[in-house]
């Protein structure tokens, strides 16, 4: 059974984290994919539709803020939830300014994240 049919993309340069998060979402009947950087995420967004993106703020090459900006230019209606392991961070404030839908802090409780998704 699909949960509201949400398609979810996990964007994190930590491949293990992204893949495990993706596996957990799939186990909860979500259509989920993972990718490992902002450039790859932007490329996927240009070619495919996702309802929700979870994007790590700190990534090499293209950080999460730049990724968020590019995604909002291409598909402004896409919900982008930023992830960070840093509690007080200038980038968190920038993410809010750039219209991130939500900020979640790692490590997070998966039940809270699933509740967030269910509420969308």
N, C-alpha and C. Protein backbone atom coordinates (compact mmCIF):
# COMPACT_ATOMS: atom_id res chain seq x y z
N UNK A 1 0.84 -1.18 0.00
CA UNK A 1 0.00 0.00 0.00
C UNK A 1 0.88 1.25 0.00
N UNK A 2 0.64 2.16 -0.93
CA UNK A 2 1.41 3.40 -1.00
C UNK A 2 0.89 4.39 0.03
N UNK A 3 1.77 5.15 0.61
CA UNK A 3 1.40 6.21 1.54
C UNK A 3 1.24 7.50 0.75
N UNK A 4 0.01 7.83 0.39
CA UNK A 4 -0.31 9.05 -0.37
C UNK A 4 0.47 9.16 -1.67
N UNK A 5 1.17 8.11 -2.07
CA UNK A 5 1.89 8.14 -3.33
C UNK A 5 3.09 9.07 -3.36
N UNK A 6 3.55 9.53 -2.20
CA UNK A 6 4.71 10.42 -2.18
C UNK A 6 5.94 9.75 -2.78
N UNK A 7 6.61 10.48 -3.67
CA UNK A 7 7.93 10.04 -4.16
C UNK A 7 8.95 10.88 -3.41
N UNK A 8 9.92 10.20 -2.83
CA UNK A 8 10.87 10.85 -1.94
C UNK A 8 12.29 10.63 -2.45
N UNK A 9 13.09 11.70 -2.43
CA UNK A 9 14.50 11.61 -2.80
C UNK A 9 15.34 12.01 -1.59
N UNK A 10 16.29 11.15 -1.25
CA UNK A 10 17.24 11.42 -0.18
C UNK A 10 18.55 11.89 -0.82
N UNK A 11 19.04 13.06 -0.41
CA UNK A 11 20.27 13.62 -0.98
C UNK A 11 21.28 13.82 0.16
N UNK A 12 22.31 12.98 0.17
CA UNK A 12 23.30 13.07 1.23
C UNK A 12 24.62 12.50 0.71
N UNK A 13 25.73 13.18 0.97
CA UNK A 13 27.02 12.68 0.51
C UNK A 13 27.49 11.46 1.31
N UNK A 14 26.84 11.19 2.44
CA UNK A 14 27.12 9.97 3.20
C UNK A 14 26.26 8.86 2.60
N UNK A 15 26.87 8.08 1.72
CA UNK A 15 26.15 7.05 0.96
C UNK A 15 25.44 6.06 1.87
N UNK A 16 26.11 5.61 2.93
CA UNK A 16 25.49 4.65 3.84
C UNK A 16 24.23 5.23 4.49
N UNK A 17 24.33 6.48 4.96
CA UNK A 17 23.17 7.13 5.58
C UNK A 17 22.02 7.23 4.57
N UNK A 18 22.32 7.73 3.38
CA UNK A 18 21.28 7.92 2.36
C UNK A 18 20.60 6.59 2.00
N UNK A 19 21.40 5.55 1.82
CA UNK A 19 20.83 4.25 1.44
C UNK A 19 20.00 3.63 2.55
N UNK A 20 20.47 3.74 3.80
CA UNK A 20 19.70 3.18 4.92
C UNK A 20 18.38 3.95 5.09
N UNK A 21 18.44 5.28 5.02
CA UNK A 21 17.23 6.10 5.12
C UNK A 21 16.24 5.70 4.02
N UNK A 22 16.75 5.54 2.82
CA UNK A 22 15.94 5.13 1.67
C UNK A 22 15.29 3.76 1.93
N UNK A 23 16.08 2.82 2.42
CA UNK A 23 15.56 1.48 2.72
C UNK A 23 14.45 1.53 3.77
N UNK A 24 14.62 2.36 4.79
CA UNK A 24 13.60 2.50 5.83
C UNK A 24 12.31 3.05 5.23
N UNK A 25 12.42 4.06 4.36
CA UNK A 25 11.23 4.63 3.73
C UNK A 25 10.53 3.58 2.86
N UNK A 26 11.30 2.82 2.11
CA UNK A 26 10.72 1.77 1.27
C UNK A 26 10.03 0.72 2.13
N UNK A 27 10.62 0.38 3.26
CA UNK A 27 10.01 -0.60 4.18
C UNK A 27 8.69 -0.08 4.73
N UNK A 28 8.51 1.25 4.70
CA UNK A 28 7.27 1.87 5.15
C UNK A 28 6.37 2.24 3.96
N UNK A 29 6.60 1.58 2.84
CA UNK A 29 5.76 1.68 1.64
C UNK A 29 5.81 3.03 0.93
N UNK A 30 6.94 3.72 1.03
CA UNK A 30 7.13 4.94 0.25
C UNK A 30 7.99 4.61 -0.96
N UNK A 31 7.77 5.35 -2.05
CA UNK A 31 8.64 5.24 -3.21
C UNK A 31 9.81 6.17 -2.94
N UNK A 32 10.98 5.61 -2.71
CA UNK A 32 12.14 6.43 -2.32
C UNK A 32 13.36 6.06 -3.15
N UNK A 33 14.17 7.08 -3.41
CA UNK A 33 15.45 6.91 -4.09
C UNK A 33 16.48 7.70 -3.31
N UNK A 34 17.75 7.35 -3.52
CA UNK A 34 18.81 8.13 -2.88
C UNK A 34 19.83 8.56 -3.93
N UNK A 35 20.45 9.69 -3.68
CA UNK A 35 21.58 10.14 -4.48
C UNK A 35 22.56 10.80 -3.53
N UNK A 36 23.77 11.07 -4.03
CA UNK A 36 24.86 11.37 -3.12
C UNK A 36 25.49 12.74 -3.30
N UNK A 37 24.72 13.68 -3.83
CA UNK A 37 25.23 15.04 -3.97
C UNK A 37 24.22 15.96 -4.64
N UNK A 38 24.45 17.24 -4.49
CA UNK A 38 23.55 18.24 -5.03
C UNK A 38 23.44 18.22 -6.54
N UNK A 39 24.58 18.05 -7.22
CA UNK A 39 24.56 18.05 -8.68
C UNK A 39 23.71 16.90 -9.21
N UNK A 40 23.88 15.73 -8.62
CA UNK A 40 23.09 14.56 -9.02
C UNK A 40 21.61 14.80 -8.73
N UNK A 41 21.30 15.41 -7.59
CA UNK A 41 19.90 15.69 -7.23
C UNK A 41 19.25 16.63 -8.23
N UNK A 42 19.96 17.70 -8.60
CA UNK A 42 19.41 18.66 -9.57
C UNK A 42 19.16 17.96 -10.91
N UNK A 43 20.08 17.12 -11.32
CA UNK A 43 19.90 16.37 -12.56
C UNK A 43 18.65 15.48 -12.48
N UNK A 44 18.46 14.80 -11.37
CA UNK A 44 17.28 13.94 -11.20
C UNK A 44 15.99 14.76 -11.21
N UNK A 45 16.00 15.92 -10.57
CA UNK A 45 14.81 16.78 -10.51
C UNK A 45 14.42 17.27 -11.90
N UNK A 46 15.40 17.52 -12.74
CA UNK A 46 15.12 17.97 -14.11
C UNK A 46 14.41 16.88 -14.91
N UNK A 47 14.71 15.61 -14.59
CA UNK A 47 14.19 14.49 -15.38
C UNK A 47 12.99 13.79 -14.76
N UNK A 48 12.75 14.00 -13.47
CA UNK A 48 11.74 13.21 -12.78
C UNK A 48 11.02 14.07 -11.74
N UNK A 49 9.88 13.57 -11.28
CA UNK A 49 9.10 14.30 -10.27
C UNK A 49 9.24 13.62 -8.91
N UNK A 50 9.54 14.42 -7.91
CA UNK A 50 9.56 13.97 -6.53
C UNK A 50 8.71 14.93 -5.74
N UNK A 51 7.99 14.40 -4.75
CA UNK A 51 7.14 15.25 -3.91
C UNK A 51 7.92 15.85 -2.76
N UNK A 52 8.85 15.06 -2.22
CA UNK A 52 9.60 15.46 -1.02
C UNK A 52 11.08 15.13 -1.23
N UNK A 53 11.92 16.08 -0.90
CA UNK A 53 13.36 15.84 -0.90
C UNK A 53 13.89 16.05 0.51
N UNK A 54 14.74 15.15 0.95
CA UNK A 54 15.49 15.33 2.19
C UNK A 54 16.91 15.62 1.73
N UNK A 55 17.41 16.83 2.04
CA UNK A 55 18.70 17.27 1.52
C UNK A 55 19.63 17.63 2.68
N UNK A 56 20.81 17.01 2.70
CA UNK A 56 21.81 17.34 3.70
C UNK A 56 22.33 18.75 3.43
N UNK A 57 22.51 19.53 4.47
CA UNK A 57 22.99 20.91 4.28
C UNK A 57 24.46 20.93 3.89
N UNK A 58 25.28 20.11 4.54
CA UNK A 58 26.73 20.15 4.29
C UNK A 58 27.13 19.01 3.37
N UNK A 59 27.45 19.38 2.12
CA UNK A 59 27.93 18.42 1.13
C UNK A 59 29.02 19.09 0.32
N UNK A 60 29.97 18.30 -0.19
CA UNK A 60 31.00 18.89 -1.07
C UNK A 60 30.41 19.24 -2.43
N UNK A 61 31.16 19.92 -3.25
CA UNK A 61 30.78 20.36 -4.60
C UNK A 61 29.63 21.35 -4.56
N UNK A 62 28.41 20.87 -4.31
CA UNK A 62 27.25 21.76 -4.23
C UNK A 62 26.59 21.50 -2.88
N UNK A 63 26.64 22.50 -1.98
CA UNK A 63 26.07 22.28 -0.66
C UNK A 63 24.54 22.26 -0.72
N UNK A 64 23.93 21.95 0.40
CA UNK A 64 22.48 21.82 0.45
C UNK A 64 21.73 23.09 0.13
N UNK A 65 22.29 24.24 0.49
CA UNK A 65 21.62 25.53 0.21
C UNK A 65 21.58 25.76 -1.30
N UNK A 66 22.71 25.57 -1.97
CA UNK A 66 22.73 25.73 -3.43
C UNK A 66 21.80 24.71 -4.10
N UNK A 67 21.78 23.50 -3.57
CA UNK A 67 20.88 22.47 -4.10
C UNK A 67 19.43 22.91 -3.95
N UNK A 68 19.09 23.40 -2.76
CA UNK A 68 17.74 23.90 -2.49
C UNK A 68 17.36 25.01 -3.47
N UNK A 69 18.25 25.98 -3.67
CA UNK A 69 17.97 27.09 -4.60
C UNK A 69 17.69 26.58 -6.02
N UNK A 70 18.52 25.65 -6.49
CA UNK A 70 18.36 25.11 -7.85
C UNK A 70 17.05 24.33 -7.97
N UNK A 71 16.74 23.53 -6.97
CA UNK A 71 15.51 22.74 -7.00
C UNK A 71 14.30 23.67 -7.05
N UNK A 72 14.31 24.72 -6.25
CA UNK A 72 13.18 25.66 -6.20
C UNK A 72 13.03 26.42 -7.53
N UNK A 73 14.14 26.63 -8.26
CA UNK A 73 14.06 27.26 -9.58
C UNK A 73 13.39 26.31 -10.57
N UNK A 74 13.74 25.03 -10.50
CA UNK A 74 13.24 24.04 -11.46
C UNK A 74 11.81 23.62 -11.14
N UNK A 75 11.56 23.30 -9.88
CA UNK A 75 10.23 22.83 -9.45
C UNK A 75 9.90 23.47 -8.10
N UNK A 76 9.38 24.69 -8.13
CA UNK A 76 9.15 25.43 -6.89
C UNK A 76 8.18 24.77 -5.92
N UNK A 77 7.31 23.90 -6.43
CA UNK A 77 6.31 23.27 -5.56
C UNK A 77 6.88 22.09 -4.76
N UNK A 78 8.09 21.66 -5.07
CA UNK A 78 8.70 20.52 -4.38
C UNK A 78 8.99 20.87 -2.93
N UNK A 79 8.58 19.99 -2.02
CA UNK A 79 8.86 20.18 -0.60
C UNK A 79 10.29 19.72 -0.33
N UNK A 80 11.10 20.61 0.24
CA UNK A 80 12.49 20.29 0.53
C UNK A 80 12.71 20.39 2.04
N UNK A 81 13.08 19.27 2.63
CA UNK A 81 13.37 19.20 4.06
C UNK A 81 14.88 19.08 4.21
N UNK A 82 15.46 20.04 4.89
CA UNK A 82 16.91 20.07 5.05
C UNK A 82 17.31 19.24 6.28
N UNK A 83 18.44 18.55 6.16
CA UNK A 83 18.97 17.75 7.26
C UNK A 83 20.34 18.29 7.65
N UNK A 84 20.60 18.32 8.95
CA UNK A 84 21.91 18.76 9.42
C UNK A 84 22.27 18.08 10.73
N UNK A 85 23.55 17.91 10.93
CA UNK A 85 24.06 17.40 12.19
C UNK A 85 24.53 18.53 13.10
N UNK A 86 24.34 19.77 12.65
CA UNK A 86 24.82 20.94 13.38
C UNK A 86 23.63 21.72 13.89
N UNK A 87 23.60 22.01 15.19
CA UNK A 87 22.41 22.64 15.76
C UNK A 87 22.34 24.14 15.51
N UNK A 88 23.42 24.86 15.69
CA UNK A 88 23.40 26.30 15.43
C UNK A 88 24.34 26.54 14.27
N UNK A 89 23.79 26.96 13.17
CA UNK A 89 24.58 27.01 11.96
C UNK A 89 24.01 28.09 11.05
N UNK A 90 24.88 28.91 10.52
CA UNK A 90 24.45 29.97 9.58
C UNK A 90 23.70 29.35 8.40
N UNK A 91 24.11 28.15 7.99
CA UNK A 91 23.47 27.51 6.84
C UNK A 91 22.01 27.13 7.14
N UNK A 92 21.70 26.82 8.40
CA UNK A 92 20.32 26.53 8.78
C UNK A 92 19.46 27.77 8.55
N UNK A 93 19.96 28.93 8.95
CA UNK A 93 19.23 30.18 8.76
C UNK A 93 19.05 30.47 7.26
N UNK A 94 20.09 30.22 6.48
CA UNK A 94 19.99 30.42 5.03
C UNK A 94 18.95 29.49 4.42
N UNK A 95 18.91 28.25 4.90
CA UNK A 95 17.93 27.28 4.40
C UNK A 95 16.50 27.79 4.64
N UNK A 96 16.28 28.35 5.80
CA UNK A 96 14.95 28.90 6.12
C UNK A 96 14.64 30.08 5.19
N UNK A 97 15.62 30.95 4.98
CA UNK A 97 15.44 32.09 4.08
C UNK A 97 15.11 31.63 2.66
N UNK A 98 15.69 30.51 2.25
CA UNK A 98 15.49 30.00 0.88
C UNK A 98 14.25 29.11 0.76
N UNK A 99 13.40 29.15 1.77
CA UNK A 99 12.10 28.45 1.73
C UNK A 99 12.19 26.94 1.90
N UNK A 100 13.14 26.49 2.71
CA UNK A 100 13.12 25.07 3.08
C UNK A 100 11.83 24.81 3.83
N UNK A 101 11.22 23.68 3.59
CA UNK A 101 9.94 23.36 4.23
C UNK A 101 10.13 23.05 5.71
N UNK A 102 11.27 22.47 6.03
CA UNK A 102 11.51 22.01 7.41
C UNK A 102 13.01 21.79 7.57
N UNK A 103 13.49 21.86 8.81
CA UNK A 103 14.87 21.51 9.13
C UNK A 103 14.79 20.37 10.14
N UNK A 104 15.49 19.27 9.87
CA UNK A 104 15.56 18.20 10.86
C UNK A 104 17.02 17.97 11.22
N UNK A 105 17.23 17.57 12.46
CA UNK A 105 18.59 17.43 12.98
C UNK A 105 18.96 15.96 13.12
N UNK A 106 20.15 15.63 12.61
CA UNK A 106 20.69 14.28 12.74
C UNK A 106 21.39 14.16 14.09
N UNK A 107 21.37 13.02 14.71
CA UNK A 107 20.58 11.85 14.32
C UNK A 107 19.12 12.09 14.68
N UNK A 108 18.22 11.69 13.81
CA UNK A 108 16.80 11.89 14.09
C UNK A 108 16.12 10.56 14.37
N UNK A 109 14.98 10.67 15.05
CA UNK A 109 14.18 9.48 15.31
C UNK A 109 13.33 9.23 14.09
N UNK A 110 13.45 8.04 13.52
CA UNK A 110 12.75 7.73 12.28
C UNK A 110 11.24 7.86 12.43
N UNK A 111 10.70 7.54 13.60
CA UNK A 111 9.24 7.65 13.80
C UNK A 111 8.78 9.10 13.66
N UNK A 112 9.61 10.04 14.14
CA UNK A 112 9.25 11.46 13.99
C UNK A 112 9.27 11.87 12.53
N UNK A 113 10.24 11.39 11.78
CA UNK A 113 10.35 11.71 10.36
C UNK A 113 9.17 11.09 9.59
N UNK A 114 8.84 9.85 9.92
CA UNK A 114 7.68 9.21 9.27
C UNK A 114 6.41 9.98 9.58
N UNK A 115 6.28 10.48 10.81
CA UNK A 115 5.12 11.30 11.19
C UNK A 115 5.09 12.59 10.39
N UNK A 116 6.25 13.19 10.18
CA UNK A 116 6.34 14.41 9.38
C UNK A 116 5.86 14.14 7.94
N UNK A 117 6.33 13.04 7.37
CA UNK A 117 5.93 12.69 6.01
C UNK A 117 4.43 12.42 5.95
N UNK A 118 3.92 11.68 6.93
CA UNK A 118 2.47 11.37 6.94
C UNK A 118 1.64 12.65 7.02
N UNK A 119 2.18 13.67 7.66
CA UNK A 119 1.44 14.93 7.81
C UNK A 119 1.42 15.78 6.56
N UNK A 120 2.16 15.37 5.54
CA UNK A 120 2.27 16.17 4.31
C UNK A 120 1.14 15.81 3.35
